Amino acid sequence: MAIAPKFMLCADDYALTPSVSLGIIEAIEAGRLDGTGAMTTRPHWPEAARDLASLGSAAQAGLHLDLTLGPPLTRMDRLAPKGRLPTIGTLIRLSQAGKLPEAEIRGEIAAQIQAFGEAYGQAPAFVDGHQHVQMLPGIRDWLFDELERLGLTGQVWLRDSGDRIERILRRRVEAPKAMLVALAGRGFGAEARRRGFATNEGFAGFSAFDIRRDYAADFARFLLAPGPRHLIMCHPGRVDGELERLDPVTFTREQELEFLLSDRFAELMAKRET
């Protein structure tokens, strides 16, 4: 059975744009990342998959399930009537109202998993979600079902983006955002494990994406109050014009990458290991 590592530093948004992928590859090659979640909805994915696969076992490769950015892989007349996925706010409202189009989302989940395997050459090691969509009621159940239908129960592990309130408060970094995600996704980890999927236990990395903040200081706090299988998300990368058009998170990606490649990062990790 697939088991989440005891500690993992995972970069989100691989394949979002060529420059984001380039930065993540740079960090993996430097031995600074344990894994990355890939967006198979992006046109850059097939080429990016080859680059990632060429690194072998240097880092785990997972699916970064996308239901909120750009065009979907499948036709979604209700969720994406104009060919573009909705905002996370709209997705949350539909989830809370029980109005998510089940058949469309099931089909899109299956298509994204299939696109991962076709380009990367094997199934994802784990599944997480862009803007934590894997946690939402409805979506989580269809994700479990589709993974089971594809024979991946026990073969992949799932990211639980929630954590205990006392751990979140001790870290004191973007605590309201972390608590909101934990609330929206409550019960996800327990249900995933009941369905036969391992999860991480402990989660940090919520960021204000503010270039003025000391990311190194924030990262040191992400290491506090770790769970027994602690996962820290991060968003390193290089910036290109496509990223500036697509996503509000831009130059903080280069800030995070610079930190990951720094001696300060290595010192923090050495202290954690001792």
Protein backbone atom coordinates (compact mmCIF):
# COMPACT_ATOMS: atom_id res chain seq x y z
CA MET A 1 0.00 0.00 0.00
CA ALA A 2 1.27 3.48 -0.87
CA ILE A 3 2.21 5.43 2.24
CA ALA A 4 2.88 9.14 2.49
CA PRO A 5 6.47 9.96 3.51
CA LYS A 6 7.20 10.88 7.12
CA PHE A 7 8.20 14.32 5.84
CA MET A 8 7.64 15.82 2.42
CA LEU A 9 8.29 19.18 0.80
CA CYS A 10 6.06 19.27 -2.27
CA ALA A 11 5.98 21.89 -5.03
CA ASP A 12 2.55 22.63 -6.44
CA ASP A 13 1.67 23.69 -10.00
CA TYR A 14 4.18 21.71 -12.06
CA ALA A 15 3.38 22.22 -15.78
CA LEU A 16 1.40 25.40 -15.09
CA THR A 17 3.79 27.19 -17.47
CA PRO A 18 7.20 26.27 -18.91
CA SER A 19 9.04 28.63 -16.56
CA VAL A 20 7.25 27.36 -13.47
CA SER A 21 8.23 23.82 -14.46
CA LEU A 22 11.80 24.92 -15.11
CA GLY A 23 12.13 26.32 -11.59
CA ILE A 24 10.69 23.19 -10.01
CA ILE A 25 13.04 20.97 -12.00
CA GLU A 26 15.92 23.16 -10.86
CA ALA A 27 14.96 22.64 -7.21
CA ILE A 28 14.54 18.86 -7.67
CA GLU A 29 17.94 18.56 -9.34
CA ALA A 30 19.45 20.46 -6.40
CA GLY A 31 17.94 17.90 -4.00
CA ARG A 32 15.64 20.46 -2.39
CA LEU A 33 12.21 18.96 -3.13
CA ASP A 34 10.65 15.59 -2.32
CA GLY A 35 7.85 15.79 -4.84
CA THR A 36 5.68 17.88 -7.13
CA GLY A 37 2.07 17.84 -8.22
CA ALA A 38 1.46 18.22 -11.96
CA MET A 39 -1.38 19.99 -13.76
CA THR A 40 -2.28 17.70 -16.64
CA THR A 41 -4.83 20.21 -17.96
CA ARG A 42 -2.05 22.49 -19.17
CA PRO A 43 -0.81 22.32 -22.79
CA HIS A 44 2.78 22.23 -21.51
CA TRP A 45 2.18 18.96 -19.63
CA PRO A 46 3.37 16.35 -22.21
CA GLU A 47 6.77 18.03 -22.60
CA ALA A 48 7.00 18.76 -18.88
CA ALA A 49 6.19 15.11 -18.12
CA ARG A 50 9.19 13.95 -20.14
CA ASP A 51 11.46 16.34 -18.24
CA LEU A 52 10.11 15.14 -14.91
CA ALA A 53 10.33 11.47 -15.84
CA SER A 54 13.98 11.95 -16.85
CA LEU A 55 14.80 12.64 -13.18
CA GLY A 56 13.81 9.11 -12.20
CA SER A 57 13.20 8.67 -8.49
CA ALA A 58 14.65 12.05 -7.49
CA ALA A 59 11.17 13.20 -6.46
CA GLN A 60 7.67 11.77 -6.29
CA ALA A 61 5.38 12.89 -9.11
CA GLY A 62 1.70 13.36 -8.39
CA LEU A 63 -1.47 14.71 -9.97
CA HIS A 64 -2.41 18.28 -9.04
CA LEU A 65 -6.13 17.95 -9.78
CA ASP A 66 -7.34 21.13 -11.49
CA LEU A 67 -10.97 22.23 -11.47
CA THR A 68 -10.46 25.99 -11.23
CA LEU A 69 -7.93 27.18 -13.84
CA GLY A 70 -8.14 27.35 -17.60
CA PRO A 71 -9.84 24.86 -19.93
CA PRO A 72 -10.72 21.35 -18.74
CA LEU A 73 -9.66 18.25 -20.65
CA THR A 74 -13.26 17.16 -21.20
CA ARG A 75 -16.43 18.89 -22.32
CA MET A 76 -18.12 20.36 -19.24
CA ASP A 77 -21.26 22.17 -20.37
CA ARG A 78 -22.44 22.89 -16.83
CA LEU A 79 -19.23 23.52 -14.89
CA ALA A 80 -17.31 25.18 -17.72
CA PRO A 81 -19.95 26.35 -20.23
CA LYS A 82 -17.56 28.76 -21.95
CA GLY A 83 -14.71 26.27 -21.99
CA ARG A 84 -13.03 27.62 -18.86
CA LEU A 85 -13.19 26.20 -15.34
CA PRO A 86 -14.87 28.27 -12.59
CA THR A 87 -13.20 30.16 -9.77
CA ILE A 88 -12.62 28.40 -6.46
CA GLY A 89 -15.33 30.57 -4.90
CA THR A 90 -17.89 29.35 -7.41
CA LEU A 91 -16.79 25.75 -6.95
CA ILE A 92 -17.12 26.00 -3.16
CA ARG A 93 -20.62 27.52 -3.45
CA LEU A 94 -21.74 24.75 -5.79
CA SER A 95 -20.28 22.14 -3.45
CA GLN A 96 -22.03 23.59 -0.43
CA ALA A 97 -25.33 23.75 -2.30
CA GLY A 98 -25.01 20.19 -3.59
CA LYS A 99 -25.16 21.45 -7.17
CA LEU A 100 -21.88 20.17 -8.59
CA PRO A 101 -22.33 18.30 -11.92
CA GLU A 102 -21.30 14.82 -10.81
CA ALA A 103 -20.96 13.12 -14.20
CA GLU A 104 -18.88 15.98 -15.61
CA ILE A 105 -16.51 16.07 -12.64
CA ARG A 106 -16.12 12.29 -12.55
CA GLY A 107 -15.22 12.34 -16.23
CA GLU A 108 -12.73 15.17 -15.79
CA ILE A 109 -11.04 13.47 -12.83
CA ALA A 110 -10.63 10.29 -14.87
CA ALA A 111 -9.30 12.23 -17.85
CA GLN A 112 -6.69 14.05 -15.77
CA ILE A 113 -5.50 10.78 -14.22
CA GLN A 114 -5.31 9.19 -17.68
CA ALA A 115 -3.41 12.18 -19.08
CA PHE A 116 -0.88 11.83 -16.28
CA GLY A 117 -0.20 8.18 -17.04
CA GLU A 118 -0.05 8.63 -20.80
CA ALA A 119 2.58 11.37 -20.61
CA TYR A 120 4.55 10.30 -17.55
CA GLY A 121 4.49 6.57 -18.22
CA GLN A 122 2.99 5.47 -14.92
CA ALA A 123 0.25 6.37 -12.48
CA PRO A 124 0.76 9.30 -10.10
CA ALA A 125 2.35 8.53 -6.75
CA PHE A 126 -0.18 10.80 -5.05
CA VAL A 127 -3.09 13.11 -5.78
CA ASP A 128 -3.57 16.61 -4.42
CA GLY A 129 -5.56 19.53 -5.80
CA HIS A 130 -5.11 23.02 -7.17
CA GLN A 131 -6.61 25.31 -4.52
CA HIS A 132 -7.30 22.14 -2.49
CA VAL A 133 -10.29 21.10 -4.62
CA GLN A 134 -9.74 17.42 -3.75
CA MET A 135 -11.03 18.18 -0.24
CA LEU A 136 -14.46 19.52 -1.20
CA PRO A 137 -17.57 17.46 -0.40
CA GLY A 138 -18.78 15.70 -3.50
CA ILE A 139 -15.49 16.04 -5.34
CA ARG A 140 -13.67 13.95 -2.73
CA ASP A 141 -16.15 11.08 -3.06
CA TRP A 142 -15.94 11.06 -6.86
CA LEU A 143 -12.15 11.17 -6.64
CA PHE A 144 -12.15 8.11 -4.35
CA ASP A 145 -14.56 6.35 -6.71
CA GLU A 146 -12.57 7.07 -9.86
CA LEU A 147 -9.27 6.01 -8.28
CA GLU A 148 -10.95 2.80 -7.14
CA ARG A 149 -12.45 2.19 -10.59
CA LEU A 150 -8.99 2.60 -12.14
CA GLY A 151 -7.48 0.07 -9.74
CA LEU A 152 -5.46 2.66 -7.84
CA THR A 153 -6.81 2.05 -4.34
CA GLY A 154 -3.78 1.58 -2.11
CA GLN A 155 -1.48 2.44 -5.01
CA VAL A 156 -1.61 6.22 -4.59
CA TRP A 157 -1.80 8.34 -1.47
CA LEU A 158 -3.83 11.52 -1.08
CA ARG A 159 -3.00 14.95 0.26
CA ASP A 160 -4.99 16.04 3.29
CA SER A 161 -4.70 19.84 3.23
CA GLY A 162 -6.23 20.21 6.68
CA ASP A 163 -4.43 20.15 10.00
CA ARG A 164 -5.30 20.36 13.67
CA ILE A 165 -6.23 23.82 14.89
CA GLU A 166 -3.61 23.79 17.66
CA ARG A 167 -0.84 23.12 15.13
CA ILE A 168 -2.08 25.88 12.82
CA LEU A 169 -2.20 28.39 15.66
CA ARG A 170 1.28 27.51 16.83
CA ARG A 171 2.75 28.25 13.39
CA ARG A 172 0.99 31.63 13.10
CA VAL A 173 1.38 31.90 9.31
CA GLU A 174 -1.81 32.56 7.35
CA ALA A 175 -3.78 30.86 10.12
CA PRO A 176 -7.22 32.03 8.90
CA LYS A 177 -6.60 30.55 5.44
CA ALA A 178 -5.30 27.29 6.93
CA MET A 179 -8.31 27.01 9.24
CA LEU A 180 -10.74 27.75 6.41
CA VAL A 181 -9.29 24.92 4.31
CA ALA A 182 -9.33 22.58 7.31
CA LEU A 183 -12.99 23.45 7.92
CA ALA A 184 -14.01 23.07 4.27
CA GLY A 185 -12.26 19.70 4.07
CA ARG A 186 -13.11 18.31 7.49
CA GLY A 187 -13.44 14.54 7.48
CA PHE A 188 -11.42 14.14 4.27
CA GLY A 189 -8.49 12.27 5.83
CA ALA A 190 -10.67 9.89 7.83
CA GLU A 191 -12.85 9.09 4.83
CA ALA A 192 -9.84 8.62 2.54
CA ARG A 193 -8.28 6.14 4.95
CA ARG A 194 -11.60 4.33 5.35
CA ARG A 195 -11.69 3.95 1.57
CA GLY A 196 -8.18 2.45 1.54
CA PHE A 197 -6.04 5.49 0.73
CA ALA A 198 -3.12 6.64 2.86
CA THR A 199 -2.76 10.36 3.57
CA ASN A 200 -0.25 12.73 5.08
CA GLU A 201 -0.91 13.65 8.72
CA GLY A 202 0.14 17.26 9.29
CA PHE A 203 0.09 20.05 6.71
CA ALA A 204 1.64 23.50 6.34
CA GLY A 205 2.78 25.97 3.72
CA PHE A 206 -0.10 28.44 3.46
CA SER A 207 1.29 31.71 2.14
CA ALA A 208 0.16 35.28 1.65
CA PHE A 209 2.13 35.31 -1.63
CA ASP A 210 3.47 38.70 -0.63
CA ILE A 211 6.94 39.51 -1.99
CA ARG A 212 7.52 41.80 1.02
CA ARG A 213 7.31 38.94 3.51
CA ASP A 214 10.36 37.03 4.74
CA TYR A 215 9.58 33.64 3.21
CA ALA A 216 12.51 32.01 4.99
CA ALA A 217 11.07 33.05 8.36
CA ASP A 218 7.64 31.75 7.36
CA PHE A 219 9.16 28.45 6.22
CA ALA A 220 10.86 28.00 9.59
CA ARG A 221 7.41 28.21 11.16
CA PHE A 222 6.02 25.62 8.71
CA LEU A 223 8.39 23.15 10.40
CA LEU A 224 6.81 23.73 13.81
CA ALA A 225 4.28 21.32 15.34
CA PRO A 226 4.74 18.69 12.63
CA GLY A 227 2.34 15.81 12.28
CA PRO A 228 3.63 12.23 12.11
CA ARG A 229 3.60 12.42 8.28
CA HIS A 230 4.13 16.12 7.80
CA LEU A 231 3.72 17.70 4.37
CA ILE A 232 4.73 21.25 3.45
CA MET A 233 3.50 22.67 0.16
CA CYS A 234 5.46 25.34 -1.69
CA HIS A 235 5.18 27.23 -4.97
CA PRO A 236 8.64 27.76 -6.49
CA GLY A 237 9.18 28.60 -10.13
CA ARG A 238 10.41 31.04 -12.70
CA VAL A 239 8.15 33.75 -14.12
CA ASP A 240 7.13 34.08 -17.75
CA GLY A 241 4.49 36.02 -19.63
CA GLU A 242 2.08 33.10 -19.62
CA LEU A 243 2.20 32.92 -15.83
CA GLU A 244 1.52 36.64 -15.52
CA ARG A 245 -1.58 36.22 -17.69
CA LEU A 246 -2.83 33.11 -15.87
CA ASP A 247 -2.16 33.47 -12.18
CA PRO A 248 -1.82 36.21 -9.54
CA VAL A 249 1.04 34.30 -7.89
CA THR A 250 4.11 35.40 -9.83
CA PHE A 251 7.31 36.81 -8.36
CA THR A 252 6.90 35.13 -4.98
CA ARG A 253 7.59 31.90 -6.89
CA GLU A 254 11.09 33.14 -7.67
CA GLN A 255 11.45 34.25 -4.04
CA GLU A 256 10.57 30.73 -2.87
CA LEU A 257 12.91 29.14 -5.39
CA GLU A 258 15.79 31.37 -4.34
CA PHE A 259 15.21 30.35 -0.72
CA LEU A 260 15.04 26.63 -1.54
CA LEU A 261 18.38 26.86 -3.31
CA SER A 262 19.99 28.82 -0.45
CA ASP A 263 22.27 27.84 2.40
CA ARG A 264 19.62 29.11 4.83
CA PHE A 265 17.21 26.44 3.64
CA ALA A 266 19.87 23.75 4.04
CA GLU A 267 20.62 24.95 7.57
CA LEU A 268 16.96 24.87 8.56
CA MET A 269 16.53 21.36 7.23
CA ALA A 270 19.70 20.17 8.98
CA LYS A 271 18.39 21.48 12.28
CA ARG A 272 15.07 19.76 11.69
CA GLU A 273 16.79 16.45 11.05
CA THR A 274 18.75 16.70 14.31
